[in-house]
Protein backbone atom coordinates (compact mmCIF):
# COMPACT_ATOMS: atom_id res chain seq x y z
CA UNK A 1 -23.68 32.39 -12.64
CA UNK A 2 -21.18 29.99 -14.61
CA UNK A 3 -19.53 27.90 -10.88
CA UNK A 4 -15.70 28.05 -11.68
CA UNK A 5 -13.79 24.59 -10.88
CA UNK A 6 -12.55 23.61 -8.42
CA UNK A 7 -8.31 22.64 -9.10
CA UNK A 8 -8.29 18.88 -9.21
CA UNK A 9 -12.53 18.62 -10.07
CA UNK A 10 -13.45 15.58 -11.16
CA UNK A 11 -14.21 14.30 -14.32
CA UNK A 12 -16.32 11.43 -15.48
CA UNK A 13 -15.05 8.38 -17.07
CA UNK A 14 -11.24 10.39 -16.76
CA UNK A 15 -8.29 8.71 -17.05
CA UNK A 16 -6.78 11.63 -16.11
CA UNK A 17 -7.58 12.56 -13.26
CA UNK A 18 -5.03 10.88 -11.03
CA UNK A 19 -2.12 13.35 -10.42
CA UNK A 20 1.27 12.73 -11.68
CA UNK A 21 4.18 14.17 -9.52
CA UNK A 22 7.89 14.36 -10.38
CA UNK A 23 9.54 13.49 -6.02
CA UNK A 24 12.40 15.65 -6.97
CA UNK A 25 9.64 18.51 -7.02
CA UNK A 26 7.95 17.39 -3.78
CA UNK A 27 11.24 17.15 -1.96
CA UNK A 28 12.45 20.83 -3.02
CA UNK A 29 8.75 22.66 -2.76
CA UNK A 30 7.75 23.83 -5.65
CA UNK A 31 4.57 25.79 -4.81
CA UNK A 32 2.82 24.23 -7.91
CA UNK A 33 3.01 21.34 -7.30
CA UNK A 34 3.21 21.26 -3.84
CA UNK A 35 -0.86 23.48 -4.12
CA UNK A 36 -1.63 19.65 -6.48
CA UNK A 37 -0.67 17.95 -4.17
CA UNK A 38 -3.05 19.36 -1.58
CA UNK A 39 -5.45 18.76 -4.09
CA UNK A 40 -4.78 15.30 -4.50
CA UNK A 41 -4.21 14.09 -1.08
CA UNK A 42 -7.34 15.70 -0.03
CA UNK A 43 -9.70 15.31 -3.05
CA UNK A 44 -8.39 12.00 -5.59
CA UNK A 45 -6.51 9.81 -2.42
CA UNK A 46 -3.79 9.08 -4.83
CA UNK A 47 -1.50 10.20 -7.12
CA UNK A 48 1.41 8.80 -9.01
CA UNK A 49 5.03 9.81 -8.99
CA UNK A 50 8.28 9.42 -10.55
CA UNK A 51 12.12 10.03 -11.15
CA UNK A 52 12.16 8.41 -7.19
CA UNK A 53 15.85 7.31 -6.12
CA UNK A 54 14.06 3.71 -7.00
CA UNK A 55 15.26 2.60 -10.52
CA UNK A 56 13.11 1.10 -13.34
CA UNK A 57 16.37 -1.75 -12.94
CA UNK A 58 15.58 -2.11 -9.21
CA UNK A 59 11.79 -2.85 -9.53
CA UNK A 60 11.83 -4.78 -12.10
CA UNK A 61 14.48 -7.25 -10.68
CA UNK A 62 12.17 -7.06 -7.74
CA UNK A 63 8.60 -8.07 -10.22
CA UNK A 64 10.98 -11.07 -11.13
CA UNK A 65 12.03 -12.10 -7.75
CA UNK A 66 8.45 -12.62 -7.35
CA UNK A 67 7.31 -14.07 -10.00
CA UNK A 68 10.08 -17.04 -9.77
CA UNK A 69 9.07 -17.70 -6.02
CA UNK A 70 5.38 -17.85 -7.03
CA UNK A 71 6.17 -20.16 -10.22
CA UNK A 72 6.97 -22.73 -7.47
CA UNK A 73 5.09 -25.43 -6.81
CA UNK A 74 2.24 -25.52 -3.62
CA UNK A 75 3.96 -27.44 -1.88
CA UNK A 76 7.15 -25.53 -1.82
CA UNK A 77 5.83 -22.15 -1.32
CA UNK A 78 3.69 -23.89 1.91
CA UNK A 79 6.94 -23.70 3.67
CA UNK A 80 7.03 -20.56 3.95
CA UNK A 81 3.28 -20.02 4.32
CA UNK A 82 1.66 -17.65 7.20
CA UNK A 83 -0.46 -20.03 8.51
CA UNK A 84 1.76 -21.29 10.79
CA UNK A 85 2.52 -17.79 11.96
CA UNK A 86 -0.63 -16.25 12.84
CA UNK A 87 0.81 -13.47 11.18
CA UNK A 88 1.26 -11.70 7.98
CA UNK A 89 4.68 -13.20 7.39
CA UNK A 90 5.58 -15.44 4.27
CA UNK A 91 3.07 -16.97 2.03
CA UNK A 92 -0.36 -16.62 1.34
CA UNK A 93 -1.93 -19.01 -0.99
CA UNK A 94 -5.35 -17.12 -3.07
CA UNK A 95 -9.11 -17.07 -1.25
CA UNK A 96 -7.68 -16.58 2.41
CA UNK A 97 -8.68 -13.00 2.66
CA UNK A 98 -11.47 -11.26 2.32
CA UNK A 99 -11.77 -7.54 2.27
CA UNK A 100 -14.87 -6.69 1.05
CA UNK A 101 -17.12 -8.60 3.57
CA UNK A 102 -19.74 -8.40 0.50
CA UNK A 103 -17.82 -10.20 -1.88
CA UNK A 104 -16.07 -13.72 -1.78
CA UNK A 105 -12.67 -14.09 -0.94
CA UNK A 106 -9.57 -12.80 -3.52
CA UNK A 107 -8.24 -15.16 -5.73
CA UNK A 108 -5.12 -13.42 -5.57
CA UNK A 109 -1.50 -15.37 -3.53
CA UNK A 110 0.79 -12.83 -1.86
CA UNK A 111 3.95 -13.27 -0.29
CA UNK A 112 4.32 -10.97 3.34
CA UNK A 113 7.88 -9.62 4.63
CA UNK A 114 7.94 -6.51 7.14
CA UNK A 115 10.48 -4.72 9.64
CA UNK A 116 11.74 -6.41 12.17
CA UNK A 117 12.84 -5.76 15.83
CA UNK A 118 15.22 -6.65 18.07
CA UNK A 119 14.10 -9.51 20.38
CA UNK A 120 14.62 -7.07 24.00
CA UNK A 121 11.99 -4.97 22.40
CA UNK A 122 9.10 -4.15 24.38
CA UNK A 123 7.01 -4.83 21.37
CA UNK A 124 8.61 -7.69 20.34
CA UNK A 125 6.39 -10.20 20.94
CA UNK A 126 3.57 -8.44 18.84
CA UNK A 127 2.64 -9.44 15.14
CA UNK A 128 2.68 -6.68 13.46
CA UNK A 129 6.89 -7.55 14.31
CA UNK A 130 6.89 -11.23 13.58
CA UNK A 131 10.55 -12.65 12.00
CA UNK A 132 10.16 -12.96 8.40
CA UNK A 133 10.13 -15.95 7.03
CA UNK A 134 12.14 -16.61 3.37
CA UNK A 135 11.93 -18.77 0.81
CA UNK A 136 15.54 -21.04 -0.11
CA UNK A 137 14.30 -20.51 -3.41
CA UNK A 138 14.89 -18.16 -5.36
CA UNK A 139 18.19 -18.38 -3.34
CA UNK A 140 18.83 -14.25 -3.59
CA UNK A 141 14.57 -13.66 -3.20
CA UNK A 142 15.73 -12.04 0.81
CA UNK A 143 18.39 -10.16 -0.59
CA UNK A 144 16.47 -8.67 -3.51
CA UNK A 145 13.17 -8.18 -1.33
CA UNK A 146 15.18 -6.40 1.29
CA UNK A 147 17.31 -3.98 -1.08
CA UNK A 148 13.98 -2.41 -2.35
CA UNK A 149 12.50 -2.99 1.14
CA UNK A 150 14.82 -0.11 2.67
CA UNK A 151 14.49 1.78 -0.32
CA UNK A 152 10.57 2.02 -0.52
CA UNK A 153 10.47 2.82 2.86
CA UNK A 154 12.93 5.97 2.38
CA UNK A 155 10.81 7.05 -0.01
CA UNK A 156 7.15 6.91 2.07
CA UNK A 157 9.02 8.81 4.50
CA UNK A 158 10.12 11.05 2.36
CA UNK A 159 6.26 11.34 0.58
CA UNK A 160 5.03 11.96 5.13
CA UNK A 161 7.45 15.13 5.43
CA UNK A 162 5.77 16.47 1.64
CA UNK A 163 2.62 15.77 3.21
CA UNK A 164 3.68 17.44 7.08
CA UNK A 165 4.51 20.82 4.82
CA UNK A 166 1.10 20.68 3.34
CA UNK A 167 -0.66 20.46 5.83
CA UNK A 168 1.86 22.94 7.94
CA UNK A 169 2.92 21.10 10.46
CA UNK A 170 6.14 20.91 11.48
CA UNK A 171 8.34 19.19 8.68
CA UNK A 172 9.67 16.63 11.00
CA UNK A 173 6.31 15.52 12.62
CA UNK A 174 5.83 12.02 11.44
CA UNK A 175 10.08 11.44 12.13
CA UNK A 176 9.75 10.09 15.75
CA UNK A 177 6.73 8.19 14.93
CA UNK A 178 7.73 5.99 12.42
CA UNK A 179 11.50 5.04 13.99
CA UNK A 180 10.40 0.76 14.40
CA UNK A 181 7.32 1.72 11.67
CA UNK A 182 4.39 -1.19 11.48
CA UNK A 183 5.90 -1.48 7.63
CA UNK A 184 4.15 -4.44 5.76
CA UNK A 185 5.52 -4.59 2.20
CA UNK A 186 3.55 -7.93 -0.04
CA UNK A 187 4.11 -9.06 -3.55
CA UNK A 188 0.80 -9.85 -5.55
CA UNK A 189 0.35 -12.17 -7.98
CA UNK A 190 -3.21 -11.85 -9.61
CA UNK A 191 -2.76 -14.74 -12.27
CA UNK A 192 -5.60 -14.44 -15.34
CA UNK A 193 -9.36 -13.60 -14.87
CA UNK A 194 -10.29 -17.33 -13.87
CA UNK A 195 -13.46 -18.89 -16.11
CA UNK A 196 -15.27 -19.77 -13.19
CA UNK A 197 -15.23 -16.01 -11.61
CA UNK A 198 -18.47 -14.39 -10.92
CA UNK A 199 -19.42 -10.37 -10.50
CA UNK A 200 -18.06 -10.93 -6.56
CA UNK A 201 -14.88 -12.61 -7.49
CA UNK A 202 -11.77 -9.91 -7.63
CA UNK A 203 -8.31 -10.21 -7.12
CA UNK A 204 -8.55 -7.87 -4.88
CA UNK A 205 -11.85 -6.84 -3.42
CA UNK A 206 -13.32 -3.35 -3.12
CA UNK A 207 -11.36 -2.15 0.23
CA UNK A 208 -9.72 1.31 1.96
CA UNK A 209 -6.42 1.20 2.69
CA UNK A 210 -6.19 0.26 7.01
CA UNK A 211 -2.99 1.99 7.64
CA UNK A 212 -0.98 4.99 7.27
CA UNK A 213 0.81 5.31 3.73
CA UNK A 214 0.66 3.19 0.34
CA UNK A 215 3.58 2.97 -1.98
CA UNK A 216 2.84 0.95 -5.31
CA UNK A 217 5.42 -0.42 -7.80
CA UNK A 218 3.85 -2.55 -10.96
CA UNK A 219 4.51 -4.78 -13.17
CA UNK A 220 3.16 -2.28 -15.79
CA UNK A 221 -0.11 -3.92 -16.05
CA UNK A 222 -3.04 -2.53 -15.82
CA UNK A 223 -5.97 -3.32 -13.16
CA UNK A 224 -6.10 -1.89 -10.12
CA UNK A 225 -8.98 0.98 -10.37
CA UNK A 226 -10.35 3.66 -7.46
CA UNK A 227 -13.56 5.06 -6.65
CA UNK A 228 -13.77 8.80 -7.09
CA UNK A 229 -16.43 10.66 -4.81
CA UNK A 230 -19.01 10.88 -7.58
CA UNK A 231 -18.56 6.17 -7.47
CA UNK A 232 -17.65 5.94 -10.30
CA UNK A 233 -14.29 3.57 -11.04
CA UNK A 234 -11.79 4.84 -12.85
CA UNK A 235 -8.17 2.80 -13.55
CA UNK A 236 -4.79 3.96 -11.93
CA UNK A 237 -2.19 2.43 -14.37
CA UNK A 238 1.51 3.94 -13.71
CA UNK A 239 4.56 2.21 -15.75
CA UNK A 240 7.37 0.35 -14.53
CA UNK A 241 9.41 2.44 -12.51
CA UNK A 242 6.90 5.04 -11.97
CA UNK A 243 4.54 4.70 -8.02
CA UNK A 244 1.43 4.84 -7.40
CA UNK A 245 0.38 6.12 -3.79
CA UNK A 246 -2.38 6.17 -2.17
CA UNK A 247 -3.85 6.79 1.65
CA UNK A 248 -4.90 4.72 4.83
CA UNK A 249 -7.74 5.13 7.19
CA UNK A 250 -5.44 5.28 9.35
CA UNK A 251 -3.85 8.47 8.25
CA UNK A 252 -7.56 9.90 7.15
CA UNK A 253 -8.46 9.46 10.91
CA UNK A 254 -5.53 11.35 11.99
CA UNK A 255 -5.61 14.21 9.93
CA UNK A 256 -9.56 14.80 10.82
CA UNK A 257 -9.86 14.28 7.39
CA UNK A 258 -7.44 16.12 5.65
CA UNK A 259 -6.07 13.20 3.34
CA UNK A 260 -9.14 11.05 2.02
CA UNK A 261 -8.37 7.06 1.59
CA UNK A 262 -9.97 6.20 -1.42
CA UNK A 263 -11.79 2.33 -1.93
CA UNK A 264 -10.37 0.41 -4.51
CA UNK A 265 -9.89 -2.89 -6.16
CA UNK A 266 -8.51 -5.30 -8.66
CA UNK A 267 -11.09 -7.18 -10.96
CA UNK A 268 -9.14 -8.68 -12.97
CA UNK A 269 -8.19 -9.26 -16.53
CA UNK A 270 -6.65 -11.73 -19.49
CA UNK A 271 -3.05 -10.85 -18.67
CA UNK A 272 -1.35 -11.87 -15.29
CA UNK A 273 -0.17 -9.29 -12.74
CA UNK A 274 2.26 -8.89 -9.50
CA UNK A 275 2.45 -5.41 -8.35
CA UNK A 276 4.66 -4.91 -4.61
CA UNK A 277 2.25 -2.00 -1.92
CA UNK A 278 4.54 -1.31 0.91
CA UNK A 279 2.28 -0.55 3.46
CA UNK A 280 3.85 2.43 5.85
CA UNK A 281 2.76 2.52 9.22
CA UNK A 282 4.15 3.83 12.31
CA UNK A 283 5.48 2.65 15.03
CA UNK A 284 3.08 0.70 17.41
CA UNK A 285 2.29 3.41 20.19
CA UNK A 286 1.72 5.96 18.14
CA UNK A 287 -1.03 8.16 18.93
CA UNK A 288 -3.17 8.28 15.74
CA UNK A 289 -6.57 9.89 16.76
CA UNK A 290 -7.91 13.00 15.12
CA UNK A 291 -5.00 15.63 15.81
CA UNK A 292 -5.98 18.62 18.51
CA UNK A 293 -9.10 16.00 19.24
CA UNK A 294 -7.37 15.11 23.03
CA UNK A 295 -8.41 11.61 22.23
CA UNK A 296 -5.78 8.27 22.19
CA UNK A 297 -5.93 5.67 19.29
CA UNK A 298 -3.17 3.35 19.05
CA UNK A 299 -1.84 2.86 15.63
CA UNK A 300 -1.19 -1.06 16.83
CA UNK A 301 -4.80 -1.72 18.66
CA UNK A 302 -6.21 0.23 14.75
CA UNK A 303 -3.92 -2.06 12.52
CA UNK A 304 -4.47 -6.10 14.26
CA UNK A 305 -8.36 -4.79 14.32
CA UNK A 306 -8.52 -4.46 10.81
CA UNK A 307 -6.27 -7.58 10.45
CA UNK A 308 -8.56 -9.87 11.86
CA UNK A 309 -11.38 -8.47 10.25
CA UNK A 310 -9.88 -9.37 6.90
CA UNK A 311 -7.41 -12.31 7.28
CA UNK A 312 -8.49 -16.08 7.70
CA UNK A 313 -5.42 -17.33 9.48
CA UNK A 314 -5.55 -14.60 12.35
């Protein structure tokens, strides 16, 4: 007897395996969309969304703002080097991160900003809430990046509300756990793959994200690859104005494996590429141990441990 295929079963080499969703349909809870989303978060660990409140024009403006910064000379970029802060705030030069211990340090450049809390807050001294560093050039950098950052956090929160619905939790389950989020946004600059690059050199090596939900915008240039449960590497490409969403180790643990944290990487190509991930993570003191396990695992402890294993400046 021939076995029926499960919904969303992965096909070897198939680019279309990454499900694509209308954001508004997810928000309104359309049955077919939610059923497909369940498969997407349990099996694929990746999805693409379109029709969000964030316009392609804003994303394009953010991409070009990062591009202007990354084109500055190294001495100008180093004025806001994150190596001065001991935190993920500011510019990170190439080969300062190693997400895959079996590969060489990543050859991309980055610029990070994050969520700032009041200085009298009990967690104000923690590195995950460190003050941001902002370059003077381009002069509009801070305003453009913050406009997008706040919009992206709102979209990520909506995604979590939908996930709560799919998992049959209260729709507001995640609300109070993200009121001071450890939300890190990053501009990634991937140069053309260098001539010297060998089999162990990547824009970013194979890894799973450490946190909860990642909302990724790009300039439309491909390069991201995700690993299927079979071990195949397949391309994940979203057009300018669309978002790639994937899930991290923290959410996989928190949901007791109902959500899949999928390995992914960027090898690089003959084109430059800019991507903008928002790593949307809960408050530092949130318990992200598996639901109903009775155990305690603080989100902040998990995240700072994983950061210290990856970032050479921490």
